[in-house]
Amino acid sequence: MRQMDGYMHGVNLGGWLSQFDKYDHEHFKTFITEEDIKYIKSLGLDHIRVPIDYTVLEEEDGTVKDSGYVYLDNCAKWCKDAGLSMIIDLHKTFGYSFDPLDDTDKTIFFKDESLQKRFYDLWARIADRYKDYSDHVAYELLNEIIFPEISDNWNQIALKALSVIRQYAKNSWVIFGGVRYNAVTSVPMLAMTDDERVAYTFHCYEPFVFTHQGAYWVKNMPSDFRIKYPAKMDEFRENAKALPDELAGSLSKEPYCNIDQFDSRFFEILFTPALETSKERDIPLYCGEYGAIDLADDRSKVNWARDICAVFDKYGIGRAYWNYKEKDYGIINIEDKEIQKELGTIL
């Protein structure tokens, strides 16, 4: 299968230009610097994924914020100097946010043409600004579409946005994912295209009870719940008895019911529909987010990353680990520097 050369081993810069505590230029200037880019390169990685919210790039009325683009400008230059590629990931657009802590309507964007026009205009500005960086800057259209019922609407919007970007950036990679928060099982639902510089993306935080153990933002997740990886499925189910049914119940469903132990084979089974779609359409796959929460023990994080990355490597799937710094998943927040380096060799 084809792959995204230059975008095979990466990490996310979440919490910098997206999901920040408040709009603060001091934060934007200091949270990520050129030294961070150099360190990422030293880990042996080849790219970064940069989530960014529309609020950094434009006012609520659509007026352009040139000051916000400076941070992307700097990052693109740092990456070029360091020999890294860069994905600009629009994490939130005017009228749509995936954030479960944001109680706005999650469907209106996909039905409102005026909101979609803002989206196309924003991508036109981004593509025009970075069109000369096609060798190392790619574009991810929108992060984590939620509801399956707007899948067709989203496919039409994605193809339109692709055509807008192609007016400026002829050869840059363009990435888009599907519904259910970019679930790998939604890849077959994505629009077909014969554009040879398009990749399908998905996110993978499975098994969820491991990667989100104790997560404060997960409804009804006990803050003291802990589980190790790997383990036999029976052990997972036994430990998950401490969880409410809406969190533990999935362990009795596909693809979990087809295996007796969590290992690389689990991920191979999970990815099968996406792999088949990728092969049939000759469109590369890219996993834009995968990671284990900082509450998991370090050795379990390494074990989990090794298993999922073995499948990425086997099938030529590019990926970016969540996350480089903070946001409850940060690599550099792991106190053991040897673990940091070990993860870097796996990712």
C-alpha atoms as a PDB file:
ATOM      1  CA  MET A   1       0.000   0.000   0.000  1.00  0.00           C
ATOM      2  CA  ARG A   2       1.088   3.581  -0.600  1.00  0.00           C
ATOM      3  CA  GLN A   3       2.247   5.619   2.370  1.00  0.00           C
ATOM      4  CA  MET A   4       2.839   9.249   3.318  1.00  0.00           C
ATOM      5  CA  ASP A   5       6.596   9.505   2.983  1.00  0.00           C
ATOM      6  CA  GLY A   6       7.915  12.102   5.426  1.00  0.00           C
ATOM      7  CA  TYR A   7       4.924  11.636   7.737  1.00  0.00           C
ATOM      8  CA  MET A   8       5.558   8.173   9.168  1.00  0.00           C
ATOM      9  CA  HIS A   9       6.795   8.833  12.724  1.00  0.00           C
ATOM     10  CA  GLY A  10       5.438  11.918  14.442  1.00  0.00           C
ATOM     11  CA  VAL A  11       4.096  13.576  17.567  1.00  0.00           C
ATOM     12  CA  ASN A  12       1.320  16.077  18.284  1.00  0.00           C
ATOM     13  CA  LEU A  13       1.859  19.580  19.631  1.00  0.00           C
ATOM     14  CA  GLY A  14      -1.521  19.663  21.372  1.00  0.00           C
ATOM     15  CA  GLY A  15      -2.055  22.395  23.950  1.00  0.00           C
ATOM     16  CA  TRP A  16      -0.027  24.975  22.028  1.00  0.00           C
ATOM     17  CA  LEU A  17      -2.296  26.576  19.416  1.00  0.00           C
ATOM     18  CA  SER A  18      -5.333  24.497  20.340  1.00  0.00           C
ATOM     19  CA  GLN A  19      -6.888  23.386  23.635  1.00  0.00           C
ATOM     20  CA  PHE A  20      -4.972  26.065  25.516  1.00  0.00           C
ATOM     21  CA  ASP A  21      -6.251  27.406  28.841  1.00  0.00           C
ATOM     22  CA  LYS A  22      -6.707  30.940  27.517  1.00  0.00           C
ATOM     23  CA  TYR A  23      -5.824  33.036  24.474  1.00  0.00           C
ATOM     24  CA  ASP A  24      -2.412  34.310  25.523  1.00  0.00           C
ATOM     25  CA  HIS A  25       0.434  35.370  23.233  1.00  0.00           C
ATOM     26  CA  GLU A  26       2.980  34.711  25.969  1.00  0.00           C
ATOM     27  CA  HIS A  27       1.791  31.097  26.044  1.00  0.00           C
ATOM     28  CA  PHE A  28       1.987  30.837  22.236  1.00  0.00           C
ATOM     29  CA  LYS A  29       5.545  32.212  22.272  1.00  0.00           C
ATOM     30  CA  THR A  30       6.894  29.985  25.027  1.00  0.00           C
ATOM     31  CA  PHE A  31       4.941  26.693  25.121  1.00  0.00           C
ATOM     32  CA  ILE A  32       6.690  25.438  21.968  1.00  0.00           C
ATOM     33  CA  THR A  33      10.018  26.860  20.800  1.00  0.00           C
ATOM     34  CA  GLU A  34      12.643  25.937  18.235  1.00  0.00           C
ATOM     35  CA  GLU A  35      14.428  23.900  20.914  1.00  0.00           C
ATOM     36  CA  ASP A  36      11.379  21.642  21.188  1.00  0.00           C
ATOM     37  CA  ILE A  37      11.459  21.027  17.431  1.00  0.00           C
ATOM     38  CA  LYS A  38      15.138  20.121  17.643  1.00  0.00           C
ATOM     39  CA  TYR A  39      14.444  17.721  20.520  1.00  0.00           C
ATOM     40  CA  ILE A  40      11.644  16.040  18.572  1.00  0.00           C
ATOM     41  CA  LYS A  41      14.089  15.543  15.713  1.00  0.00           C
ATOM     42  CA  SER A  42      16.623  14.064  18.159  1.00  0.00           C
ATOM     43  CA  LEU A  43      14.063  11.415  19.162  1.00  0.00           C
ATOM     44  CA  GLY A  44      14.238  10.100  15.608  1.00  0.00           C
ATOM     45  CA  LEU A  45      10.813  11.371  14.542  1.00  0.00           C
ATOM     46  CA  ASP A  46      10.151  12.784  11.079  1.00  0.00           C
ATOM     47  CA  HIS A  47       7.171  15.122  11.554  1.00  0.00           C
ATOM     48  CA  ILE A  48       4.883  17.004  13.903  1.00  0.00           C
ATOM     49  CA  ARG A  49       1.110  17.446  13.843  1.00  0.00           C
ATOM     50  CA  VAL A  50       0.105  20.961  14.904  1.00  0.00           C
ATOM     51  CA  PRO A  51      -3.510  21.250  16.104  1.00  0.00           C
ATOM     52  CA  ILE A  52      -4.732  24.838  15.736  1.00  0.00           C
ATOM     53  CA  ASP A  53      -8.027  26.531  16.526  1.00  0.00           C
ATOM     54  CA  TYR A  54      -9.605  29.046  14.167  1.00  0.00           C
ATOM     55  CA  THR A  55      -9.528  31.610  17.006  1.00  0.00           C
ATOM     56  CA  VAL A  56      -5.741  31.840  16.632  1.00  0.00           C
ATOM     57  CA  LEU A  57      -6.070  32.759  12.954  1.00  0.00           C
ATOM     58  CA  GLU A  58      -9.235  34.847  12.757  1.00  0.00           C
ATOM     59  CA  GLU A  59     -11.641  36.943  14.799  1.00  0.00           C
ATOM     60  CA  GLU A  60     -15.204  35.806  15.418  1.00  0.00           C
ATOM     61  CA  ASP A  61     -16.335  37.993  12.502  1.00  0.00           C
ATOM     62  CA  GLY A  62     -13.761  36.397  10.174  1.00  0.00           C
ATOM     63  CA  THR A  63     -11.180  39.184  10.246  1.00  0.00           C
ATOM     64  CA  VAL A  64      -7.705  37.726   9.726  1.00  0.00           C
ATOM     65  CA  LYS A  65      -5.320  37.704  12.706  1.00  0.00           C
ATOM     66  CA  ASP A  66      -1.893  38.055  11.152  1.00  0.00           C
ATOM     67  CA  SER A  67      -0.344  37.747  14.609  1.00  0.00           C
ATOM     68  CA  GLY A  68      -1.676  34.183  14.863  1.00  0.00           C
ATOM     69  CA  TYR A  69      -0.146  33.092  11.577  1.00  0.00           C
ATOM     70  CA  VAL A  70       3.296  34.106  12.848  1.00  0.00           C
ATOM     71  CA  TYR A  71       3.375  31.030  15.085  1.00  0.00           C
ATOM     72  CA  LEU A  72       2.706  28.724  12.150  1.00  0.00           C
ATOM     73  CA  ASP A  73       5.242  30.663  10.074  1.00  0.00           C
ATOM     74  CA  ASN A  74       7.898  30.157  12.726  1.00  0.00           C
ATOM     75  CA  CYS A  75       7.088  26.494  13.165  1.00  0.00           C
ATOM     76  CA  ALA A  76       7.223  25.820   9.422  1.00  0.00           C
ATOM     77  CA  LYS A  77      10.673  27.412   9.285  1.00  0.00           C
ATOM     78  CA  TRP A  78      11.907  25.548  12.371  1.00  0.00           C
ATOM     79  CA  CYS A  79      10.738  22.277  10.860  1.00  0.00           C
ATOM     80  CA  LYS A  80      12.405  22.974   7.538  1.00  0.00           C
ATOM     81  CA  ASP A  81      15.668  23.822   9.279  1.00  0.00           C
ATOM     82  CA  ALA A  82      15.471  20.683  11.437  1.00  0.00           C
ATOM     83  CA  GLY A  83      14.464  18.384   8.591  1.00  0.00           C
ATOM     84  CA  LEU A  84      10.963  17.685   9.896  1.00  0.00           C
ATOM     85  CA  SER A  85       7.620  17.684   8.104  1.00  0.00           C
ATOM     86  CA  MET A  86       4.582  19.446   9.577  1.00  0.00           C
ATOM     87  CA  ILE A  87       0.834  18.867   9.478  1.00  0.00           C
ATOM     88  CA  ILE A  88      -1.462  21.828  10.054  1.00  0.00           C
ATOM     89  CA  ASP A  89      -4.509  20.282  11.708  1.00  0.00           C
ATOM     90  CA  LEU A  90      -7.581  22.504  11.995  1.00  0.00           C
ATOM     91  CA  HIS A  91      -8.753  21.340  15.405  1.00  0.00           C
ATOM     92  CA  LYS A  92     -11.717  23.711  15.656  1.00  0.00           C
ATOM     93  CA  THR A  93     -13.421  25.803  12.997  1.00  0.00           C
ATOM     94  CA  PHE A  94     -16.018  28.554  13.320  1.00  0.00           C
ATOM     95  CA  GLY A  95     -19.250  26.699  14.034  1.00  0.00           C
ATOM     96  CA  TYR A  96     -17.788  23.317  15.026  1.00  0.00           C
ATOM     97  CA  SER A  97     -15.893  21.887  17.975  1.00  0.00           C
ATOM     98  CA  PHE A  98     -15.396  18.193  18.800  1.00  0.00           C
ATOM     99  CA  ASP A  99     -14.672  19.045  22.454  1.00  0.00           C
ATOM    100  CA  PRO A 100     -16.995  17.108  24.778  1.00  0.00           C
ATOM    101  CA  LEU A 101     -16.579  19.889  27.358  1.00  0.00           C
ATOM    102  CA  ASP A 102     -17.985  22.370  24.819  1.00  0.00           C
ATOM    103  CA  ASP A 103     -21.788  22.078  24.771  1.00  0.00           C
ATOM    104  CA  THR A 104     -22.318  23.776  21.387  1.00  0.00           C
ATOM    105  CA  ASP A 105     -24.384  22.144  18.629  1.00  0.00           C
ATOM    106  CA  LYS A 106     -22.194  19.505  16.956  1.00  0.00           C
ATOM    107  CA  THR A 107     -24.238  19.239  13.740  1.00  0.00           C
ATOM    108  CA  ILE A 108     -25.081  22.787  12.633  1.00  0.00           C
ATOM    109  CA  PHE A 109     -21.797  23.353  10.775  1.00  0.00           C
ATOM    110  CA  PHE A 110     -22.558  20.463   8.440  1.00  0.00           C
ATOM    111  CA  LYS A 111     -25.894  21.981   7.415  1.00  0.00           C
ATOM    112  CA  ASP A 112     -25.111  25.711   7.327  1.00  0.00           C
ATOM    113  CA  GLU A 113     -23.539  26.944   4.066  1.00  0.00           C
ATOM    114  CA  SER A 114     -22.429  30.239   5.615  1.00  0.00           C
ATOM    115  CA  LEU A 115     -20.378  28.376   8.233  1.00  0.00           C
ATOM    116  CA  GLN A 116     -18.926  26.167   5.525  1.00  0.00           C
ATOM    117  CA  LYS A 117     -17.916  29.217   3.489  1.00  0.00           C
ATOM    118  CA  ARG A 118     -15.922  30.471   6.485  1.00  0.00           C
ATOM    119  CA  PHE A 119     -14.235  27.058   6.575  1.00  0.00           C
ATOM    120  CA  TYR A 120     -13.341  27.152   2.857  1.00  0.00           C
ATOM    121  CA  ASP A 121     -12.081  30.728   3.108  1.00  0.00           C
ATOM    122  CA  LEU A 122      -9.844  29.820   6.036  1.00  0.00           C
ATOM    123  CA  TRP A 123      -8.345  26.887   4.153  1.00  0.00           C
ATOM    124  CA  ALA A 124      -7.792  29.078   1.098  1.00  0.00           C
ATOM    125  CA  ARG A 125      -5.763  31.511   3.217  1.00  0.00           C
ATOM    126  CA  ILE A 126      -3.744  28.727   4.844  1.00  0.00           C
ATOM    127  CA  ALA A 127      -3.027  26.953   1.551  1.00  0.00           C
ATOM    128  CA  ASP A 128      -2.059  30.194  -0.159  1.00  0.00           C
ATOM    129  CA  ARG A 129       0.262  31.182   2.673  1.00  0.00           C
ATOM    130  CA  TYR A 130       2.134  27.873   2.782  1.00  0.00           C
ATOM    131  CA  LYS A 131       1.915  26.802  -0.853  1.00  0.00           C
ATOM    132  CA  ASP A 132       5.686  27.053  -1.251  1.00  0.00           C
ATOM    133  CA  TYR A 133       6.193  24.526   1.573  1.00  0.00           C
ATOM    134  CA  SER A 134       4.563  21.609  -0.231  1.00  0.00           C
ATOM    135  CA  ASP A 135       7.610  19.410   0.375  1.00  0.00           C
ATOM    136  CA  HIS A 136       7.098  19.456   4.156  1.00  0.00           C
ATOM    137  CA  VAL A 137       3.718  21.004   5.095  1.00  0.00           C
ATOM    138  CA  ALA A 138       0.469  19.018   4.879  1.00  0.00           C
ATOM    139  CA  TYR A 139      -3.113  19.981   5.711  1.00  0.00           C
ATOM    140  CA  GLU A 140      -5.653  18.107   7.853  1.00  0.00           C
ATOM    141  CA  LEU A 141      -9.123  19.454   7.157  1.00  0.00           C
ATOM    142  CA  LEU A 142     -10.937  19.119  10.492  1.00  0.00           C
ATOM    143  CA  ASN A 143     -10.486  17.180  13.701  1.00  0.00           C
ATOM    144  CA  GLU A 144     -12.893  14.470  14.877  1.00  0.00           C
ATOM    145  CA  ILE A 145     -16.335  14.609  13.312  1.00  0.00           C
ATOM    146  CA  ILE A 146     -18.742  13.132  15.840  1.00  0.00           C
ATOM    147  CA  PHE A 147     -22.141  12.040  14.568  1.00  0.00           C
ATOM    148  CA  PRO A 148     -22.543   9.318  11.892  1.00  0.00           C
ATOM    149  CA  GLU A 149     -25.724  10.890  10.520  1.00  0.00           C
ATOM    150  CA  ILE A 150     -23.800  13.808   9.007  1.00  0.00           C
ATOM    151  CA  SER A 151     -21.236  11.580   7.286  1.00  0.00           C
ATOM    152  CA  ASP A 152     -22.499  12.368   3.771  1.00  0.00           C
ATOM    153  CA  ASN A 153     -22.565  16.094   4.507  1.00  0.00           C
ATOM    154  CA  TRP A 154     -18.998  15.938   5.768  1.00  0.00           C
ATOM    155  CA  ASN A 155     -17.789  14.021   2.713  1.00  0.00           C
ATOM    156  CA  GLN A 156     -19.168  16.724   0.427  1.00  0.00           C
ATOM    157  CA  ILE A 157     -17.563  19.466   2.541  1.00  0.00           C
ATOM    158  CA  ALA A 158     -14.228  17.641   2.593  1.00  0.00           C
ATOM    159  CA  LEU A 159     -14.131  17.249  -1.184  1.00  0.00           C
ATOM    160  CA  LYS A 160     -15.028  20.911  -1.637  1.00  0.00           C
ATOM    161  CA  ALA A 161     -12.280  21.953   0.775  1.00  0.00           C
ATOM    162  CA  LEU A 162      -9.834  19.740  -1.126  1.00  0.00           C
ATOM    163  CA  SER A 163     -10.701  21.525  -4.366  1.00  0.00           C
ATOM    164  CA  VAL A 164     -10.214  24.911  -2.653  1.00  0.00           C
ATOM    165  CA  ILE A 165      -6.790  23.924  -1.344  1.00  0.00           C
ATOM    166  CA  ARG A 166      -5.763  22.617  -4.768  1.00  0.00           C
ATOM    167  CA  GLN A 167      -6.250  26.097  -6.229  1.00  0.00           C
ATOM    168  CA  TYR A 168      -3.146  27.104  -4.259  1.00  0.00           C
ATOM    169  CA  ALA A 169      -1.262  24.009  -3.104  1.00  0.00           C
ATOM    170  CA  LYS A 170      -1.107  21.552  -5.978  1.00  0.00           C
ATOM    171  CA  ASN A 171       1.187  18.943  -4.457  1.00  0.00           C
ATOM    172  CA  SER A 172       0.713  19.133  -0.684  1.00  0.00           C
ATOM    173  CA  TRP A 173      -0.745  16.203   1.198  1.00  0.00           C
ATOM    174  CA  VAL A 174      -4.347  16.733   2.294  1.00  0.00           C
ATOM    175  CA  ILE A 175      -5.753  14.553   5.076  1.00  0.00           C
ATOM    176  CA  PHE A 176      -9.304  13.943   6.270  1.00  0.00           C
ATOM    177  CA  GLY A 177     -10.991  11.485   8.598  1.00  0.00           C
ATOM    178  CA  GLY A 178     -14.427  10.203   9.424  1.00  0.00           C
ATOM    179  CA  VAL A 179     -17.187  10.226  11.999  1.00  0.00           C
ATOM    180  CA  ARG A 180     -17.324   8.810  15.526  1.00  0.00           C
ATOM    181  CA  TYR A 181     -14.351  10.977  16.486  1.00  0.00           C
ATOM    182  CA  ASN A 182     -12.193   9.744  13.585  1.00  0.00           C
ATOM    183  CA  ALA A 183     -12.840   6.104  14.445  1.00  0.00           C
ATOM    184  CA  VAL A 184     -10.815   3.649  12.383  1.00  0.00           C
ATOM    185  CA  THR A 185     -14.066   1.785  11.694  1.00  0.00           C
ATOM    186  CA  SER A 186     -15.375   4.889   9.894  1.00  0.00           C
ATOM    187  CA  VAL A 187     -12.638   4.926   7.235  1.00  0.00           C
ATOM    188  CA  PRO A 188     -14.763   2.893   4.745  1.00  0.00           C
ATOM    189  CA  MET A 189     -17.401   5.651   4.958  1.00  0.00           C
ATOM    190  CA  LEU A 190     -15.030   8.339   3.659  1.00  0.00           C
ATOM    191  CA  ALA A 191     -15.471   9.914   0.236  1.00  0.00           C
ATOM    192  CA  MET A 192     -13.491   8.431  -2.617  1.00  0.00           C
ATOM    193  CA  THR A 193     -11.072  10.604  -4.576  1.00  0.00           C
ATOM    194  CA  ASP A 194      -8.515  10.041  -7.303  1.00  0.00           C
ATOM    195  CA  ASP A 195      -6.297  12.813  -5.906  1.00  0.00           C
ATOM    196  CA  GLU A 196      -2.935  11.083  -5.399  1.00  0.00           C
ATOM    197  CA  ARG A 197      -1.899  13.350  -2.515  1.00  0.00           C
ATOM    198  CA  VAL A 198      -4.802  12.556  -0.197  1.00  0.00           C
ATOM    199  CA  ALA A 199      -4.632  10.345   2.894  1.00  0.00           C
ATOM    200  CA  TYR A 200      -7.366   9.000   5.147  1.00  0.00           C
ATOM    201  CA  THR A 201      -6.850   9.587   8.853  1.00  0.00           C
ATOM    202  CA  PHE A 202      -8.129   7.922  11.988  1.00  0.00           C
ATOM    203  CA  HIS A 203      -7.437   8.081  15.731  1.00  0.00           C
ATOM    204  CA  CYS A 204      -6.862   5.091  17.987  1.00  0.00           C
ATOM    205  CA  TYR A 205      -7.113   5.054  21.766  1.00  0.00           C
ATOM    206  CA  GLU A 206      -8.026   1.398  22.137  1.00  0.00           C
ATOM    207  CA  PRO A 207      -8.501  -0.316  24.463  1.00  0.00           C
ATOM    208  CA  PHE A 208     -10.167   2.818  25.820  1.00  0.00           C
ATOM    209  CA  VAL A 209     -10.212   1.593  29.421  1.00  0.00           C
ATOM    210  CA  PHE A 210      -6.400   1.473  29.277  1.00  0.00           C
ATOM    211  CA  THR A 211      -5.601   4.678  27.379  1.00  0.00           C
ATOM    212  CA  HIS A 212      -8.147   6.729  29.351  1.00  0.00           C
ATOM    213  CA  GLN A 213      -7.834   5.124  32.764  1.00  0.00           C
ATOM    214  CA  GLY A 214      -8.716   7.640  35.466  1.00  0.00           C
ATOM    215  CA  ALA A 215      -9.411  10.405  32.898  1.00  0.00           C
ATOM    216  CA  TYR A 216     -11.295  13.280  34.539  1.00  0.00           C
ATOM    217  CA  TRP A 217     -13.092  14.262  31.326  1.00  0.00           C
ATOM    218  CA  VAL A 218     -14.589  10.813  30.705  1.00  0.00           C
ATOM    219  CA  LYS A 219     -18.074  10.622  32.180  1.00  0.00           C
ATOM    220  CA  ASN A 220     -18.333   8.126  35.046  1.00  0.00           C
ATOM    221  CA  MET A 221     -14.656   7.148  34.861  1.00  0.00           C
ATOM    222  CA  PRO A 222     -13.397   6.572  38.442  1.00  0.00           C
ATOM    223  CA  SER A 223     -10.380   8.770  39.102  1.00  0.00           C
ATOM    224  CA  ASP A 224      -8.548   5.912  40.821  1.00  0.00           C
ATOM    225  CA  PHE A 225      -9.110   3.273  38.120  1.00  0.00           C
ATOM    226  CA  ARG A 226      -5.839   1.705  36.953  1.00  0.00           C
ATOM    227  CA  ILE A 227      -5.039  -1.154  34.596  1.00  0.00           C
ATOM    228  CA  LYS A 228      -1.815  -2.513  33.095  1.00  0.00           C
ATOM    229  CA  TYR A 229      -0.918  -3.514  29.539  1.00  0.00           C
ATOM    230  CA  PRO A 230      -0.582  -6.134  28.177  1.00  0.00           C
ATOM    231  CA  ALA A 231      -3.029  -8.518  29.812  1.00  0.00           C
ATOM    232  CA  LYS A 232      -5.312 -11.341  28.864  1.00  0.00           C
ATOM    233  CA  MET A 233      -8.826 -10.314  27.936  1.00  0.00           C
ATOM    234  CA  ASP A 234     -10.212 -12.045  31.017  1.00  0.00           C
ATOM    235  CA  GLU A 235      -7.938  -9.894  33.194  1.00  0.00           C
ATOM    236  CA  PHE A 236      -9.141  -6.753  31.436  1.00  0.00           C
ATOM    237  CA  ARG A 237     -12.759  -7.764  31.936  1.00  0.00           C
ATOM    238  CA  GLU A 238     -12.155  -8.601  35.591  1.00  0.00           C
ATOM    239  CA  ASN A 239     -10.486  -5.240  36.270  1.00  0.00           C
ATOM    240  CA  ALA A 240     -13.170  -3.428  34.283  1.00  0.00           C
ATOM    241  CA  LYS A 241     -15.828  -4.623  36.718  1.00  0.00           C
ATOM    242  CA  ALA A 242     -14.941  -1.491  38.662  1.00  0.00           C
ATOM    243  CA  LEU A 243     -16.248   0.590  35.748  1.00  0.00           C
ATOM    244  CA  PRO A 244     -19.840   1.424  34.846  1.00  0.00           C
ATOM    245  CA  ASP A 245     -21.388  -0.607  32.015  1.00  0.00           C
ATOM    246  CA  GLU A 246     -21.109   2.196  29.447  1.00  0.00           C
ATOM    247  CA  LEU A 247     -17.302   2.045  29.791  1.00  0.00           C
ATOM    248  CA  ALA A 248     -16.724  -1.662  30.397  1.00  0.00           C
ATOM    249  CA  GLY A 249     -19.463  -3.075  28.178  1.00  0.00           C
ATOM    250  CA  SER A 250     -17.513  -2.653  24.959  1.00  0.00           C
ATOM    251  CA  LEU A 251     -15.060  -5.347  26.092  1.00  0.00           C
ATOM    252  CA  SER A 252     -17.735  -7.912  25.245  1.00  0.00           C
ATOM    253  CA  LYS A 253     -18.237  -6.582  21.719  1.00  0.00           C
ATOM    254  CA  GLU A 254     -16.248  -6.773  18.489  1.00  0.00           C
ATOM    255  CA  PRO A 255     -13.336  -6.683  17.957  1.00  0.00           C
ATOM    256  CA  TYR A 256     -12.594  -7.458  21.616  1.00  0.00           C
ATOM    257  CA  CYS A 257     -14.643 -10.655  21.608  1.00  0.00           C
ATOM    258  CA  ASN A 258     -12.402 -12.126  18.872  1.00  0.00           C
ATOM    259  CA  ILE A 259      -9.200 -12.205  20.929  1.00  0.00           C
ATOM    260  CA  ASP A 260      -8.029 -13.660  24.216  1.00  0.00           C
ATOM    261  CA  GLN A 261      -5.155 -11.236  24.849  1.00  0.00           C
ATOM    262  CA  PHE A 262      -4.349  -7.634  24.004  1.00  0.00           C
ATOM    263  CA  ASP A 263      -1.338  -7.592  21.707  1.00  0.00           C
ATOM    264  CA  SER A 264      -0.497  -6.457  18.164  1.00  0.00           C
ATOM    265  CA  ARG A 265      -3.003  -8.951  16.776  1.00  0.00           C
ATOM    266  CA  PHE A 266      -5.814  -6.963  18.374  1.00  0.00           C
ATOM    267  CA  PHE A 267      -4.818  -3.841  16.430  1.00  0.00           C
ATOM    268  CA  GLU A 268      -4.494  -5.800  13.208  1.00  0.00           C
ATOM    269  CA  ILE A 269      -8.062  -7.061  13.632  1.00  0.00           C
ATOM    270  CA  LEU A 270      -9.302  -3.583  14.562  1.00  0.00           C
ATOM    271  CA  PHE A 271      -7.671  -1.954  11.526  1.00  0.00           C
ATOM    272  CA  THR A 272      -8.782  -4.566   8.972  1.00  0.00           C
ATOM    273  CA  PRO A 273     -11.721  -2.637   7.394  1.00  0.00           C
ATOM    274  CA  ALA A 274      -9.554   0.489   7.047  1.00  0.00           C
ATOM    275  CA  LEU A 275      -6.673  -1.516   5.603  1.00  0.00           C
ATOM    276  CA  GLU A 276      -8.981  -3.105   3.044  1.00  0.00           C
ATOM    277  CA  THR A 277     -10.379   0.298   2.056  1.00  0.00           C
ATOM    278  CA  SER A 278      -6.877   1.754   1.742  1.00  0.00           C
ATOM    279  CA  LYS A 279      -5.779  -1.096  -0.509  1.00  0.00           C
ATOM    280  CA  GLU A 280      -8.899  -1.022  -2.699  1.00  0.00           C
ATOM    281  CA  ARG A 281      -8.724   2.754  -3.237  1.00  0.00           C
ATOM    282  CA  ASP A 282      -4.915   3.091  -3.202  1.00  0.00           C
ATOM    283  CA  ILE A 283      -5.190   5.826  -0.556  1.00  0.00           C
ATOM    284  CA  PRO A 284      -2.648   5.890   2.318  1.00  0.00           C
ATOM    285  CA  LEU A 285      -3.686   5.667   5.967  1.00  0.00           C
ATOM    286  CA  TYR A 286      -2.516   8.028   8.691  1.00  0.00           C
ATOM    287  CA  CYS A 287      -3.216   7.766  12.428  1.00  0.00           C
ATOM    288  CA  GLY A 288      -3.324  11.362  13.621  1.00  0.00           C
ATOM    289  CA  GLU A 289      -3.673  10.526  17.307  1.00  0.00           C
ATOM    290  CA  TYR A 290      -2.852   7.575  19.518  1.00  0.00           C
ATOM    291  CA  GLY A 291      -1.500   7.569  23.046  1.00  0.00           C
ATOM    292  CA  ALA A 292      -1.767   6.375  26.627  1.00  0.00           C
ATOM    293  CA  ILE A 293      -2.706   8.706  29.483  1.00  0.00           C
ATOM    294  CA  ASP A 294       0.021   9.785  31.890  1.00  0.00           C
ATOM    295  CA  LEU A 295      -1.770   7.941  34.722  1.00  0.00           C
ATOM    296  CA  ALA A 296      -0.803   4.619  33.114  1.00  0.00           C
ATOM    297  CA  ASP A 297       2.480   3.190  34.354  1.00  0.00           C
ATOM    298  CA  ASP A 298       5.462   3.878  32.108  1.00  0.00           C
ATOM    299  CA  ARG A 299       6.219   0.274  31.190  1.00  0.00           C
ATOM    300  CA  SER A 300       2.594  -0.287  30.146  1.00  0.00           C
ATOM    301  CA  LYS A 301       2.787   2.816  27.918  1.00  0.00           C
ATOM    302  CA  VAL A 302       5.854   1.396  26.186  1.00  0.00           C
ATOM    303  CA  ASN A 303       4.276  -2.049  25.806  1.00  0.00           C
ATOM    304  CA  TRP A 304       1.104  -0.565  24.317  1.00  0.00           C
ATOM    305  CA  ALA A 305       3.012   1.717  21.934  1.00  0.00           C
ATOM    306  CA  ARG A 306       5.168  -1.177  20.774  1.00  0.00           C
ATOM    307  CA  ASP A 307       2.123  -3.291  19.871  1.00  0.00           C
ATOM    308  CA  ILE A 308       0.190  -0.633  17.991  1.00  0.00           C
ATOM    309  CA  CYS A 309       3.300   0.659  16.205  1.00  0.00           C
ATOM    310  CA  ALA A 310       4.187  -2.858  15.056  1.00  0.00           C
ATOM    311  CA  VAL A 311       0.971  -2.843  13.043  1.00  0.00           C
ATOM    312  CA  PHE A 312       1.585   0.706  11.785  1.00  0.00           C
ATOM    313  CA  ASP A 313       5.005  -0.425  10.573  1.00  0.00           C
ATOM    314  CA  LYS A 314       3.727  -3.648   9.007  1.00  0.00           C
ATOM    315  CA  TYR A 315       1.211  -1.792   6.828  1.00  0.00           C
ATOM    316  CA  GLY A 316       3.045   1.491   6.234  1.00  0.00           C
ATOM    317  CA  ILE A 317       0.677   3.637   8.310  1.00  0.00           C
ATOM    318  CA  GLY A 318       2.005   7.069   9.244  1.00  0.00           C
ATOM    319  CA  ARG A 319       1.171   8.302  12.716  1.00  0.00           C
ATOM    320  CA  ALA A 320       1.556  11.035  15.345  1.00  0.00           C
ATOM    321  CA  TYR A 321       1.600  10.233  19.059  1.00  0.00           C
ATOM    322  CA  TRP A 322      -0.611  12.245  21.408  1.00  0.00           C
ATOM    323  CA  ASN A 323       1.075  14.187  22.914  1.00  0.00           C
ATOM    324  CA  TYR A 324       4.497  15.871  23.033  1.00  0.00           C
ATOM    325  CA  LYS A 325       3.869  18.081  26.077  1.00  0.00           C
ATOM    326  CA  GLU A 326       1.214  18.125  28.797  1.00  0.00           C
ATOM    327  CA  LYS A 327      -2.497  17.579  27.933  1.00  0.00           C
ATOM    328  CA  ASP A 328      -2.407  14.485  30.209  1.00  0.00           C
ATOM    329  CA  TYR A 329      -0.335  12.506  27.669  1.00  0.00           C
ATOM    330  CA  GLY A 330       2.956  14.377  27.309  1.00  0.00           C
ATOM    331  CA  ILE A 331       6.089  12.442  26.404  1.00  0.00           C
ATOM    332  CA  ILE A 332       8.417  15.035  27.922  1.00  0.00           C
ATOM    333  CA  ASN A 333       6.406  14.995  31.145  1.00  0.00           C
ATOM    334  CA  ILE A 334       7.561  11.415  31.752  1.00  0.00           C
ATOM    335  CA  GLU A 335      10.199  11.791  34.454  1.00  0.00           C
ATOM    336  CA  ASP A 336      12.306   8.853  33.284  1.00  0.00           C
ATOM    337  CA  LYS A 337      14.375  10.198  30.370  1.00  0.00           C
ATOM    338  CA  GLU A 338      15.233   6.673  29.249  1.00  0.00           C
ATOM    339  CA  ILE A 339      11.529   5.938  28.832  1.00  0.00           C
ATOM    340  CA  GLN A 340      11.227   9.101  26.728  1.00  0.00           C
ATOM    341  CA  LYS A 341      13.987   7.884  24.455  1.00  0.00           C
ATOM    342  CA  GLU A 342      12.609   4.347  24.328  1.00  0.00           C
ATOM    343  CA  LEU A 343       9.210   5.661  23.281  1.00  0.00           C
ATOM    344  CA  GLY A 344      10.906   7.796  20.632  1.00  0.00           C
ATOM    345  CA  THR A 345      12.504   4.733  19.058  1.00  0.00           C
ATOM    346  CA  ILE A 346       9.106   3.000  18.912  1.00  0.00           C
ATOM    347  CA  LEU A 347       6.912   5.854  17.709  1.00  0.00           C
END
